[in-house]
């Protein structure tokens, strides 16, 4: 029988194909990937991602399941689209997914991975993380700069009150961005970055442009053989952007080093410059912190710190405008705890249960990073019975997880009550331990600025809701407010929120 099959070329081909299929299926190195679309030759499923990859991947997960595999170009990508899938990758297999893949963003915009966000996991990354954890994000450091945050938010409230008195329409995003940039300026370099004007606008444009470029699915990242061609023109745009941004960072460093007050206020740049001159304990940095390392770290802090908090607060205000009954509940709580003769302080936040629930619901429905930054598998591994090959990229669809109807009741409804004490979801937090809501990621590469981000978002949201009644321009009904998304690496609003603030506190509450 076997001899007859071998004698016929067609039969032989069929036999060999069958044998190969069996070997491929059972061979450990070629065990089953998670299910997913086959895609097109060479480019794979890149066209299917469209302009909203987090939406597209969520739709694919409905068909193929929460453990999803995609062939993007010549790269295998696995996507986790449920809380259980994210937990498998970021908790049970976190050690194998600690590094970032090389891509155009890391190469052209992050000083060739010299920063903390895109750096390969290893001694250098751990050293940079430790520096930030001790000098920026420890409880002591956050408490030391509490008055800075409160002062800048008071300045924000005063400027909004003046705008409201003359009937001015304000852009919420631009206003918030300026406030947060100045908070970070005082913390990072010892001075306010902007007093408004063209410089502030240029910096915001730089940040938004950088976030948009960072969110592009670039063909060259997934088909390395085509990288040199820059078919989408993304690398060219990134290089131009980086030159402008680097000039901004270099100017900050030059001005700081020339200042007579260097190091006197304990700002982060002074700390970095001292470490550069006295490199004790810089394990993983070969005993030296370079100017590029410093500029890369400052870029991380300014860029990630401003855009993510700005977008979250802007979404929160938009939701409260659309849901006036919820806004009234938040204001009633603030009036009861804080009163109407002063602005809210950080020390008040722990007593504002409904405000905290509102912020948490905003993190759930509008996570600032809808798709996690990619990670790469250091070694082949088995996850939930699926084979994940070495070099596969991992994406966690944070946006899809927090809208999963198998977890959440009425998942598309903005409903802070779901997080109140006694409710079904009261135990769920946003700090990376509960995978149902992970706006800051999870595992060892969780966002290091999470605690600062939460404090800023809570304080700014509370101040804007407590201090003002918000009206849309020209009597526009709140139910017609555009809530569409614009995708970048962070989740922006497609239509920036422009509204009229009307002060609701005693005039003495707003600093002159």
Protein backbone atom coordinates (compact mmCIF):
# COMPACT_ATOMS: atom_id res chain seq x y z
CA UNK A 1 0.00 0.00 0.00
CA UNK A 2 2.72 2.45 1.01
CA UNK A 3 4.69 1.50 -2.11
CA UNK A 4 1.66 2.33 -4.29
CA UNK A 5 1.29 5.76 -2.65
CA UNK A 6 4.96 6.57 -3.06
CA UNK A 7 4.82 5.50 -6.70
CA UNK A 8 2.32 8.26 -7.50
CA UNK A 9 3.71 11.83 -7.24
CA UNK A 10 0.29 13.24 -6.35
CA UNK A 11 -0.28 10.66 -3.66
CA UNK A 12 3.23 11.28 -2.34
CA UNK A 13 2.57 15.02 -2.06
CA UNK A 14 -0.70 14.38 -0.23
CA UNK A 15 1.03 11.95 2.13
CA UNK A 16 3.87 14.35 2.87
CA UNK A 17 1.43 17.21 3.44
CA UNK A 18 -0.57 15.11 5.87
CA UNK A 19 2.58 14.04 7.73
CA UNK A 20 3.77 17.65 7.90
CA UNK A 21 0.38 18.81 9.21
CA UNK A 22 0.49 16.21 11.97
CA UNK A 23 4.08 17.13 12.88
CA UNK A 24 3.28 20.86 12.87
CA UNK A 25 0.26 20.35 15.09
CA UNK A 26 1.98 18.22 17.71
CA UNK A 27 5.55 19.54 17.56
CA UNK A 28 6.20 21.66 20.71
CA UNK A 29 7.73 24.57 18.82
CA UNK A 30 4.71 24.73 16.52
CA UNK A 31 1.91 24.04 18.93
CA UNK A 32 -1.25 26.01 18.41
CA UNK A 33 -1.14 29.75 18.62
CA UNK A 34 -4.23 31.46 19.98
CA UNK A 35 -6.90 31.66 17.25
CA UNK A 36 -7.06 34.63 14.93
CA UNK A 37 -7.44 35.76 11.30
CA UNK A 38 -4.97 34.50 8.72
CA UNK A 39 -4.45 37.89 7.10
CA UNK A 40 -2.95 38.84 3.75
CA UNK A 41 0.39 37.77 2.32
CA UNK A 42 3.31 39.85 3.64
CA UNK A 43 1.21 42.49 5.45
CA UNK A 44 -0.92 40.07 7.46
CA UNK A 45 -3.82 41.72 9.30
CA UNK A 46 -2.39 45.24 9.39
CA UNK A 47 -5.13 46.65 7.10
CA UNK A 48 -7.83 45.21 9.37
CA UNK A 49 -6.69 47.33 12.31
CA UNK A 50 -7.84 50.58 10.71
CA UNK A 51 -7.64 53.93 12.48
CA UNK A 52 -8.96 52.55 15.79
CA UNK A 53 -6.91 49.42 16.56
CA UNK A 54 -8.38 48.98 20.04
CA UNK A 55 -11.88 48.82 18.49
CA UNK A 56 -10.78 46.46 15.68
CA UNK A 57 -8.99 44.06 18.02
CA UNK A 58 -11.99 44.05 20.37
CA UNK A 59 -14.25 43.08 17.45
CA UNK A 60 -11.87 40.29 16.41
CA UNK A 61 -11.88 38.99 19.99
CA UNK A 62 -15.66 38.62 19.82
CA UNK A 63 -15.13 36.20 16.95
CA UNK A 64 -11.94 34.39 17.97
CA UNK A 65 -11.92 34.69 21.75
CA UNK A 66 -10.03 36.77 24.34
CA UNK A 67 -6.70 35.06 23.59
CA UNK A 68 -6.11 36.35 20.08
CA UNK A 69 -3.21 35.98 17.65
CA UNK A 70 -2.56 38.28 14.71
CA UNK A 71 0.04 38.20 12.00
CA UNK A 72 1.05 41.81 11.51
CA UNK A 73 3.51 41.82 8.65
CA UNK A 74 5.98 39.05 9.46
CA UNK A 75 5.50 39.50 13.21
CA UNK A 76 3.37 37.31 15.46
CA UNK A 77 1.28 39.45 17.81
CA UNK A 78 -0.83 38.08 20.64
CA UNK A 79 -3.58 40.22 22.17
CA UNK A 80 -5.17 39.79 25.59
CA UNK A 81 -8.77 41.02 25.46
CA UNK A 82 -10.20 39.86 28.79
CA UNK A 83 -9.26 40.24 32.44
CA UNK A 84 -8.36 36.54 32.69
CA UNK A 85 -6.18 36.72 29.57
CA UNK A 86 -4.39 39.82 30.87
CA UNK A 87 -3.82 38.10 34.20
CA UNK A 88 -2.24 35.10 32.47
CA UNK A 89 0.27 37.30 30.67
CA UNK A 90 0.94 40.09 33.16
CA UNK A 91 0.86 38.09 36.40
CA UNK A 92 1.52 34.41 35.79
CA UNK A 93 3.93 34.96 32.86
CA UNK A 94 5.05 38.53 33.58
CA UNK A 95 8.75 37.60 33.80
CA UNK A 96 8.74 36.48 30.16
CA UNK A 97 7.15 39.71 28.88
CA UNK A 98 9.22 42.44 30.51
CA UNK A 99 11.02 43.88 27.49
CA UNK A 100 9.78 46.09 24.68
CA UNK A 101 10.22 45.24 20.99
CA UNK A 102 12.47 47.48 18.94
CA UNK A 103 10.41 49.89 16.86
CA UNK A 104 10.46 53.30 15.22
CA UNK A 105 9.13 55.07 18.33
CA UNK A 106 11.91 53.74 20.54
CA UNK A 107 14.55 54.41 17.89
CA UNK A 108 13.57 57.85 16.62
CA UNK A 109 11.62 59.43 19.50
CA UNK A 110 12.97 57.85 22.70
CA UNK A 111 16.68 58.41 22.14
CA UNK A 112 17.13 54.88 20.82
CA UNK A 113 15.52 53.32 23.91
CA UNK A 114 17.60 55.32 26.40
CA UNK A 115 14.44 56.22 28.30
CA UNK A 116 12.57 54.17 30.87
CA UNK A 117 9.40 53.52 28.86
CA UNK A 118 11.06 51.76 25.90
CA UNK A 119 14.28 50.49 27.48
CA UNK A 120 14.97 46.77 27.37
CA UNK A 121 14.34 45.09 30.71
CA UNK A 122 17.61 44.69 32.56
CA UNK A 123 20.03 46.42 34.95
CA UNK A 124 19.81 49.83 33.23
CA UNK A 125 16.01 49.84 33.27
CA UNK A 126 15.96 48.81 36.93
CA UNK A 127 18.42 51.58 37.80
CA UNK A 128 16.38 54.25 36.00
CA UNK A 129 13.19 52.96 37.60
CA UNK A 130 14.80 53.07 41.04
CA UNK A 131 15.92 56.68 40.55
CA UNK A 132 12.36 57.71 39.61
CA UNK A 133 10.76 55.63 42.36
CA UNK A 134 12.91 57.21 45.08
CA UNK A 135 13.06 60.83 43.92
CA UNK A 136 9.73 61.30 42.14
CA UNK A 137 7.10 58.72 43.01
CA UNK A 138 7.71 57.62 46.59
CA UNK A 139 5.07 58.64 49.13
CA UNK A 140 7.57 61.08 50.66
CA UNK A 141 8.33 62.70 47.30
CA UNK A 142 4.62 62.96 46.45
CA UNK A 143 3.85 64.49 49.85
CA UNK A 144 6.76 66.94 49.52
CA UNK A 145 5.26 68.33 46.31
CA UNK A 146 1.62 68.37 47.47
CA UNK A 147 1.63 72.14 47.90
CA UNK A 148 2.99 72.56 44.37
CA UNK A 149 0.07 70.59 42.94
CA UNK A 150 -2.49 72.48 45.01
CA UNK A 151 -1.00 75.89 44.11
CA UNK A 152 -1.06 75.21 40.36
CA UNK A 153 -4.63 73.91 40.54
CA UNK A 154 -5.62 77.10 42.42
CA UNK A 155 -4.04 79.14 39.62
CA UNK A 156 -6.05 77.04 37.15
CA UNK A 157 -9.28 77.74 39.06
CA UNK A 158 -8.55 81.48 39.21
CA UNK A 159 -7.95 81.69 35.45
CA UNK A 160 -11.19 79.79 34.77
CA UNK A 161 -13.11 82.07 37.12
CA UNK A 162 -11.83 85.14 35.25
CA UNK A 163 -12.78 83.55 31.94
CA UNK A 164 -16.25 82.74 33.28
CA UNK A 165 -16.86 86.30 34.45
CA UNK A 166 -16.37 87.67 30.92
CA UNK A 167 -18.30 84.87 29.22
CA UNK A 168 -15.23 83.29 27.60
CA UNK A 169 -15.35 79.81 26.07
CA UNK A 170 -12.33 77.76 27.19
CA UNK A 171 -10.67 74.69 25.74
CA UNK A 172 -10.58 72.26 28.66
CA UNK A 173 -7.72 70.19 27.28
CA UNK A 174 -5.44 73.16 26.63
CA UNK A 175 -6.16 74.63 30.06
CA UNK A 176 -5.53 71.37 31.89
CA UNK A 177 -2.40 70.67 29.87
CA UNK A 178 -0.91 74.01 30.90
CA UNK A 179 -1.67 73.32 34.57
CA UNK A 180 -0.14 69.85 34.57
CA UNK A 181 2.90 70.99 32.58
CA UNK A 182 3.58 73.65 35.20
CA UNK A 183 3.15 71.14 38.06
CA UNK A 184 5.65 68.85 36.38
CA UNK A 185 7.90 71.80 35.62
CA UNK A 186 8.14 72.70 39.32
CA UNK A 187 8.75 69.05 40.25
CA UNK A 188 11.14 68.18 37.43
CA UNK A 189 13.14 71.35 36.81
CA UNK A 190 12.28 73.64 39.71
CA UNK A 191 10.21 76.22 37.84
CA UNK A 192 6.96 76.68 35.96
CA UNK A 193 7.37 75.74 32.32
CA UNK A 194 4.86 78.15 30.84
CA UNK A 195 2.96 81.26 31.73
CA UNK A 196 0.72 80.73 28.70
CA UNK A 197 1.13 82.10 25.20
CA UNK A 198 2.75 80.58 22.13
CA UNK A 199 5.36 78.56 24.03
CA UNK A 200 2.64 76.72 25.92
CA UNK A 201 0.75 76.04 22.70
CA UNK A 202 3.89 74.76 20.99
CA UNK A 203 4.66 72.39 23.85
CA UNK A 204 1.12 71.00 23.80
CA UNK A 205 1.36 70.52 20.03
CA UNK A 206 4.66 68.68 20.50
CA UNK A 207 3.15 66.34 23.10
CA UNK A 208 -0.01 65.61 21.10
CA UNK A 209 1.95 65.09 17.89
CA UNK A 210 4.32 62.74 19.68
CA UNK A 211 1.45 60.71 21.12
CA UNK A 212 -0.26 60.47 17.73
CA UNK A 213 2.94 59.35 15.99
CA UNK A 214 3.59 56.83 18.77
CA UNK A 215 0.18 55.25 18.20
CA UNK A 216 0.64 54.59 14.48
CA UNK A 217 0.92 50.93 13.46
CA UNK A 218 4.00 51.38 11.27
CA UNK A 219 4.60 48.75 8.57
CA UNK A 220 8.35 48.92 9.10
CA UNK A 221 7.94 47.78 12.73
CA UNK A 222 6.24 44.57 11.62
CA UNK A 223 8.08 43.89 8.33
CA UNK A 224 11.72 44.61 9.26
CA UNK A 225 12.94 44.02 5.72
CA UNK A 226 10.88 47.04 4.60
CA UNK A 227 11.89 49.34 7.46
CA UNK A 228 14.53 51.16 5.41
CA UNK A 229 11.92 52.20 2.83
CA UNK A 230 9.74 54.06 5.37
CA UNK A 231 6.69 53.33 3.23
CA UNK A 232 4.32 55.31 5.45
CA UNK A 233 6.67 58.23 5.98
CA UNK A 234 6.37 57.72 9.74
CA UNK A 235 10.09 57.56 10.49
CA UNK A 236 10.69 60.83 8.68
CA UNK A 237 7.95 62.56 10.69
CA UNK A 238 9.35 61.09 13.92
CA UNK A 239 12.86 62.38 13.18
CA UNK A 240 11.56 65.88 12.50
CA UNK A 241 9.47 65.77 15.67
CA UNK A 242 12.40 64.49 17.72
CA UNK A 243 14.68 67.32 16.60
CA UNK A 244 12.12 69.87 17.78
CA UNK A 245 11.49 68.04 21.05
CA UNK A 246 15.19 67.49 21.73
CA UNK A 247 15.80 71.19 21.21
CA UNK A 248 13.18 71.91 23.87
CA UNK A 249 14.76 69.44 26.32
CA UNK A 250 18.29 70.72 25.64
CA UNK A 251 17.17 74.31 26.25
CA UNK A 252 15.67 73.25 29.59
CA UNK A 253 18.91 71.55 30.63
CA UNK A 254 21.09 74.47 29.52
CA UNK A 255 18.95 77.02 31.37
CA UNK A 256 18.89 74.85 34.47
CA UNK A 257 22.65 74.33 34.57
CA UNK A 258 23.21 78.09 34.17
CA UNK A 259 20.79 78.93 36.97
CA UNK A 260 22.26 79.99 40.30
CA UNK A 261 19.56 78.02 42.11
CA UNK A 262 20.51 74.61 40.72
CA UNK A 263 19.93 71.93 43.31
CA UNK A 264 18.54 74.29 45.95
CA UNK A 265 14.92 73.24 45.54
CA UNK A 266 15.50 69.52 45.24
CA UNK A 267 13.92 69.24 41.82
CA UNK A 268 14.39 66.06 39.80
CA UNK A 269 16.79 67.52 37.24
CA UNK A 270 19.09 68.72 40.03
CA UNK A 271 19.09 65.17 41.41
CA UNK A 272 19.96 63.76 37.98
CA UNK A 273 22.78 66.26 37.48
CA UNK A 274 24.21 65.38 40.90
CA UNK A 275 24.06 61.68 40.01
CA UNK A 276 25.79 62.45 36.73
CA UNK A 277 28.66 64.12 38.57
CA UNK A 278 28.76 61.65 41.46
CA UNK A 279 27.74 58.30 39.95
CA UNK A 280 27.48 56.23 43.13
CA UNK A 281 24.99 53.40 43.02
CA UNK A 282 24.14 53.70 39.34
CA UNK A 283 24.07 49.94 38.82
CA UNK A 284 23.28 49.07 35.22
CA UNK A 285 24.36 52.45 33.87
CA UNK A 286 28.06 51.56 33.76
CA UNK A 287 28.64 54.09 36.51
CA UNK A 288 27.50 57.00 34.35
CA UNK A 289 24.30 58.89 33.72
CA UNK A 290 24.58 60.65 30.37
CA UNK A 291 22.91 63.77 29.02
CA UNK A 292 20.91 61.55 26.68
CA UNK A 293 19.68 59.44 29.62
CA UNK A 294 18.59 62.63 31.41
CA UNK A 295 16.80 64.11 28.40
CA UNK A 296 15.11 60.77 27.74
CA UNK A 297 13.83 60.56 31.33
CA UNK A 298 12.56 64.15 31.24
CA UNK A 299 10.81 63.39 27.95
CA UNK A 300 9.05 60.40 29.54
CA UNK A 301 7.88 62.44 32.52
CA UNK A 302 6.70 65.51 30.61
CA UNK A 303 5.05 63.59 27.78
CA UNK A 304 3.37 60.74 29.63
CA UNK A 305 2.57 62.85 32.67
CA UNK A 306 0.76 65.64 30.85
CA UNK A 307 -1.20 63.88 28.13
CA UNK A 308 -2.62 60.97 30.12
CA UNK A 309 -3.92 63.07 33.02
CA UNK A 310 -5.25 65.77 30.69
CA UNK A 311 -7.24 63.32 28.59
CA UNK A 312 -8.68 61.53 31.65
CA UNK A 313 -9.94 64.74 33.30
CA UNK A 314 -11.31 66.02 29.99
CA UNK A 315 -13.30 62.78 29.56
CA UNK A 316 -14.53 63.03 33.17
CA UNK A 317 -15.88 66.56 32.66
CA UNK A 318 -17.50 65.55 29.36
CA UNK A 319 -19.26 62.62 31.04
CA UNK A 320 -20.52 64.83 33.86
CA UNK A 321 -21.88 67.36 31.36
CA UNK A 322 -23.72 64.52 29.62
CA UNK A 323 -25.00 63.23 32.97
CA UNK A 324 -26.07 66.32 34.97
CA UNK A 325 -27.69 64.20 37.68
CA UNK A 326 -24.30 62.60 38.40
CA UNK A 327 -22.62 66.02 38.35
CA UNK A 328 -25.10 67.25 40.96
CA UNK A 329 -24.30 64.28 43.20
CA UNK A 330 -20.55 64.98 42.99
CA UNK A 331 -21.14 68.68 43.73
CA UNK A 332 -23.44 67.89 46.66
CA UNK A 333 -20.77 65.70 48.22
CA UNK A 334 -18.10 68.36 47.67
CA UNK A 335 -20.31 71.07 49.14
CA UNK A 336 -20.99 68.88 52.18
CA UNK A 337 -17.35 67.98 52.85
CA UNK A 338 -15.50 71.08 51.59
CA UNK A 339 -18.14 73.82 51.70
CA UNK A 340 -18.65 76.73 49.30
CA UNK A 341 -16.04 79.17 50.65
CA UNK A 342 -12.80 77.44 49.62
CA UNK A 343 -11.35 75.17 46.96
CA UNK A 344 -10.84 71.46 47.52
CA UNK A 345 -7.49 70.20 48.85
CA UNK A 346 -5.79 66.83 48.43
CA UNK A 347 -6.47 66.07 52.07
CA UNK A 348 -10.20 66.22 51.31
CA UNK A 349 -10.10 63.50 48.64
CA UNK A 350 -10.13 60.54 51.05
CA UNK A 351 -13.53 61.75 52.35
CA UNK A 352 -15.04 62.18 48.87
CA UNK A 353 -16.34 58.69 48.19
CA UNK A 354 -18.58 59.56 45.24
CA UNK A 355 -15.87 61.71 43.62
CA UNK A 356 -13.42 58.80 43.86
CA UNK A 357 -16.00 56.48 42.30
CA UNK A 358 -16.55 58.98 39.48
CA UNK A 359 -12.83 59.14 38.72
CA UNK A 360 -12.58 55.36 38.84
CA UNK A 361 -15.51 55.04 36.41
CA UNK A 362 -13.71 57.47 34.06
CA UNK A 363 -10.56 55.32 34.21
CA UNK A 364 -12.73 52.31 33.34
CA UNK A 365 -14.68 53.76 30.43
CA UNK A 366 -11.91 55.97 29.01
CA UNK A 367 -8.51 54.43 29.83
CA UNK A 368 -5.81 56.89 28.78
CA UNK A 369 -3.81 54.10 27.10
CA UNK A 370 -6.42 51.90 25.37
CA UNK A 371 -3.82 49.46 24.02
CA UNK A 372 -0.92 48.75 26.33
CA UNK A 373 2.56 49.54 25.07
CA UNK A 374 3.85 46.38 23.37
CA UNK A 375 5.93 43.79 25.18
CA UNK A 376 7.95 40.98 23.64
CA UNK A 377 8.30 37.32 24.63
CA UNK A 378 11.89 36.67 25.74
CA UNK A 379 11.41 32.91 25.36
CA UNK A 380 8.79 30.58 23.95
CA UNK A 381 6.16 29.70 26.53
CA UNK A 382 2.75 28.17 27.09
CA UNK A 383 -0.06 30.51 28.15
CA UNK A 384 -3.51 29.05 28.87
CA UNK A 385 -2.62 26.04 26.72
CA UNK A 386 -1.51 28.14 23.75
CA UNK A 387 2.02 28.29 22.38
CA UNK A 388 3.55 31.76 22.37
CA UNK A 389 6.78 31.79 20.33
CA UNK A 390 9.90 33.66 21.30
CA UNK A 391 9.83 37.17 19.86
CA UNK A 392 6.02 37.41 19.73
CA UNK A 393 4.67 40.84 20.59
CA UNK A 394 2.05 41.21 23.33
CA UNK A 395 -0.73 43.81 23.33
CA UNK A 396 -3.26 44.09 26.14
CA UNK A 397 -6.55 45.68 25.07
CA UNK A 398 -7.24 47.67 28.22
CA UNK A 399 -10.20 49.41 26.55
CA UNK A 400 -11.92 46.11 25.63
CA UNK A 401 -11.35 44.58 29.08
CA UNK A 402 -13.00 47.49 30.89
CA UNK A 403 -16.06 47.22 28.60
CA UNK A 404 -16.40 43.43 28.79
CA UNK A 405 -20.12 42.56 29.22
CA UNK A 406 -19.20 39.28 30.90
CA UNK A 407 -17.70 41.32 33.75
CA UNK A 408 -19.60 44.59 33.81
CA UNK A 409 -23.31 45.28 34.11
CA UNK A 410 -24.28 47.88 31.49
CA UNK A 411 -20.61 48.24 30.47
CA UNK A 412 -21.15 51.24 28.17
CA UNK A 413 -23.06 53.20 30.80
CA UNK A 414 -21.26 55.86 32.86
CA UNK A 415 -22.28 54.80 36.35
CA UNK A 416 -20.03 55.75 39.32
CA UNK A 417 -22.40 53.93 41.69
CA UNK A 418 -20.92 50.62 40.56
CA UNK A 419 -17.79 51.41 42.65
CA UNK A 420 -19.49 52.65 45.82
CA UNK A 421 -19.20 50.67 49.09
CA UNK A 422 -21.63 47.78 49.14
CA UNK A 423 -21.78 47.51 45.34
CA UNK A 424 -20.74 44.52 43.26
CA UNK A 425 -17.48 46.12 42.11
CA UNK A 426 -16.45 48.04 45.23
CA UNK A 427 -13.31 45.91 45.70
CA UNK A 428 -11.93 46.67 42.22
CA UNK A 429 -9.06 49.13 42.20
CA UNK A 430 -7.09 50.69 39.32
CA UNK A 431 -3.59 50.06 40.67
CA UNK A 432 -2.79 46.91 38.72
CA UNK A 433 -3.95 44.16 41.07
CA UNK A 434 -7.50 43.87 39.70
CA UNK A 435 -7.26 43.08 36.01
CA UNK A 436 -10.83 44.19 35.28
CA UNK A 437 -9.56 47.81 35.22
CA UNK A 438 -5.87 48.38 34.45
CA UNK A 439 -5.50 51.90 33.04
CA UNK A 440 -1.89 52.03 34.28
CA UNK A 441 -1.02 48.50 33.19
CA UNK A 442 0.09 45.75 35.56
CA UNK A 443 3.11 43.71 36.52
CA UNK A 444 6.67 44.95 36.86
CA UNK A 445 6.29 47.38 33.96
CA UNK A 446 3.24 49.09 35.38
CA UNK A 447 3.28 52.87 34.90
CA UNK A 448 5.74 54.20 37.53
CA UNK A 449 3.86 57.51 37.78
CA UNK A 450 0.55 55.88 38.68
CA UNK A 451 0.26 57.37 42.19
CA UNK A 452 1.05 60.88 40.97
CA UNK A 453 -1.39 60.48 38.09
CA UNK A 454 -4.23 59.38 40.37
CA UNK A 455 -3.62 62.30 42.75
CA UNK A 456 -3.56 64.84 39.90
CA UNK A 457 -6.69 63.47 38.21
CA UNK A 458 -8.66 63.37 41.45
CA UNK A 459 -7.63 66.88 42.52
CA UNK A 460 -8.25 68.51 39.13
CA UNK A 461 -11.57 66.75 38.58
CA UNK A 462 -12.76 67.69 42.07
CA UNK A 463 -11.70 71.33 41.60
CA UNK A 464 -13.38 71.72 38.22
CA UNK A 465 -16.64 70.13 39.37
CA UNK A 466 -16.72 71.87 42.75
CA UNK A 467 -15.67 75.27 41.50
CA UNK A 468 -17.76 75.63 38.34
CA UNK A 469 -20.98 75.00 36.51
CA UNK A 470 -20.16 74.05 32.95
CA UNK A 471 -22.24 75.12 29.96
CA UNK A 472 -21.77 74.16 26.33
CA UNK A 473 -21.46 76.99 23.77
CA UNK A 474 -24.56 78.60 22.23
CA UNK A 475 -27.01 76.68 24.38
CA UNK A 476 -25.99 73.31 22.92
CA UNK A 477 -27.92 70.49 24.66
CA UNK A 478 -25.68 68.27 26.77
CA UNK A 479 -27.04 65.11 25.16
CA UNK A 480 -25.64 66.24 21.78
CA UNK A 481 -22.07 66.49 23.05
CA UNK A 482 -19.73 64.59 20.71
CA UNK A 483 -18.15 61.69 22.61
CA UNK A 484 -16.19 60.14 19.74
CA UNK A 485 -12.60 59.03 20.27
CA UNK A 486 -9.48 59.97 18.35
CA UNK A 487 -6.81 57.29 18.56
CA UNK A 488 -3.19 57.86 19.40
CA UNK A 489 -1.05 56.09 21.94
CA UNK A 490 -3.40 57.85 24.38
CA UNK A 491 -7.17 58.08 24.09
CA UNK A 492 -8.01 61.63 23.01
CA UNK A 493 -11.40 63.13 22.28
CA UNK A 494 -12.13 63.49 18.56
CA UNK A 495 -13.64 66.91 19.29
CA UNK A 496 -11.79 68.85 22.01
CA UNK A 497 -14.09 69.91 24.81
CA UNK A 498 -14.85 73.65 24.71
CA UNK A 499 -17.18 74.97 27.38
CA UNK A 500 -18.16 78.05 29.38
CA UNK A 501 -17.19 77.90 33.10
CA UNK A 502 -19.45 79.68 35.59
CA UNK A 503 -18.04 80.05 39.11
CA UNK A 504 -20.30 78.48 41.77
CA UNK A 505 -18.28 79.21 44.94
CA UNK A 506 -17.89 82.37 47.01
CA UNK A 507 -15.68 84.91 45.18
CA UNK A 508 -13.10 84.67 47.98
CA UNK A 509 -12.54 80.98 47.10
CA UNK A 510 -10.75 81.92 43.91
CA UNK A 511 -7.27 83.37 44.45
CA UNK A 512 -6.67 86.78 42.89
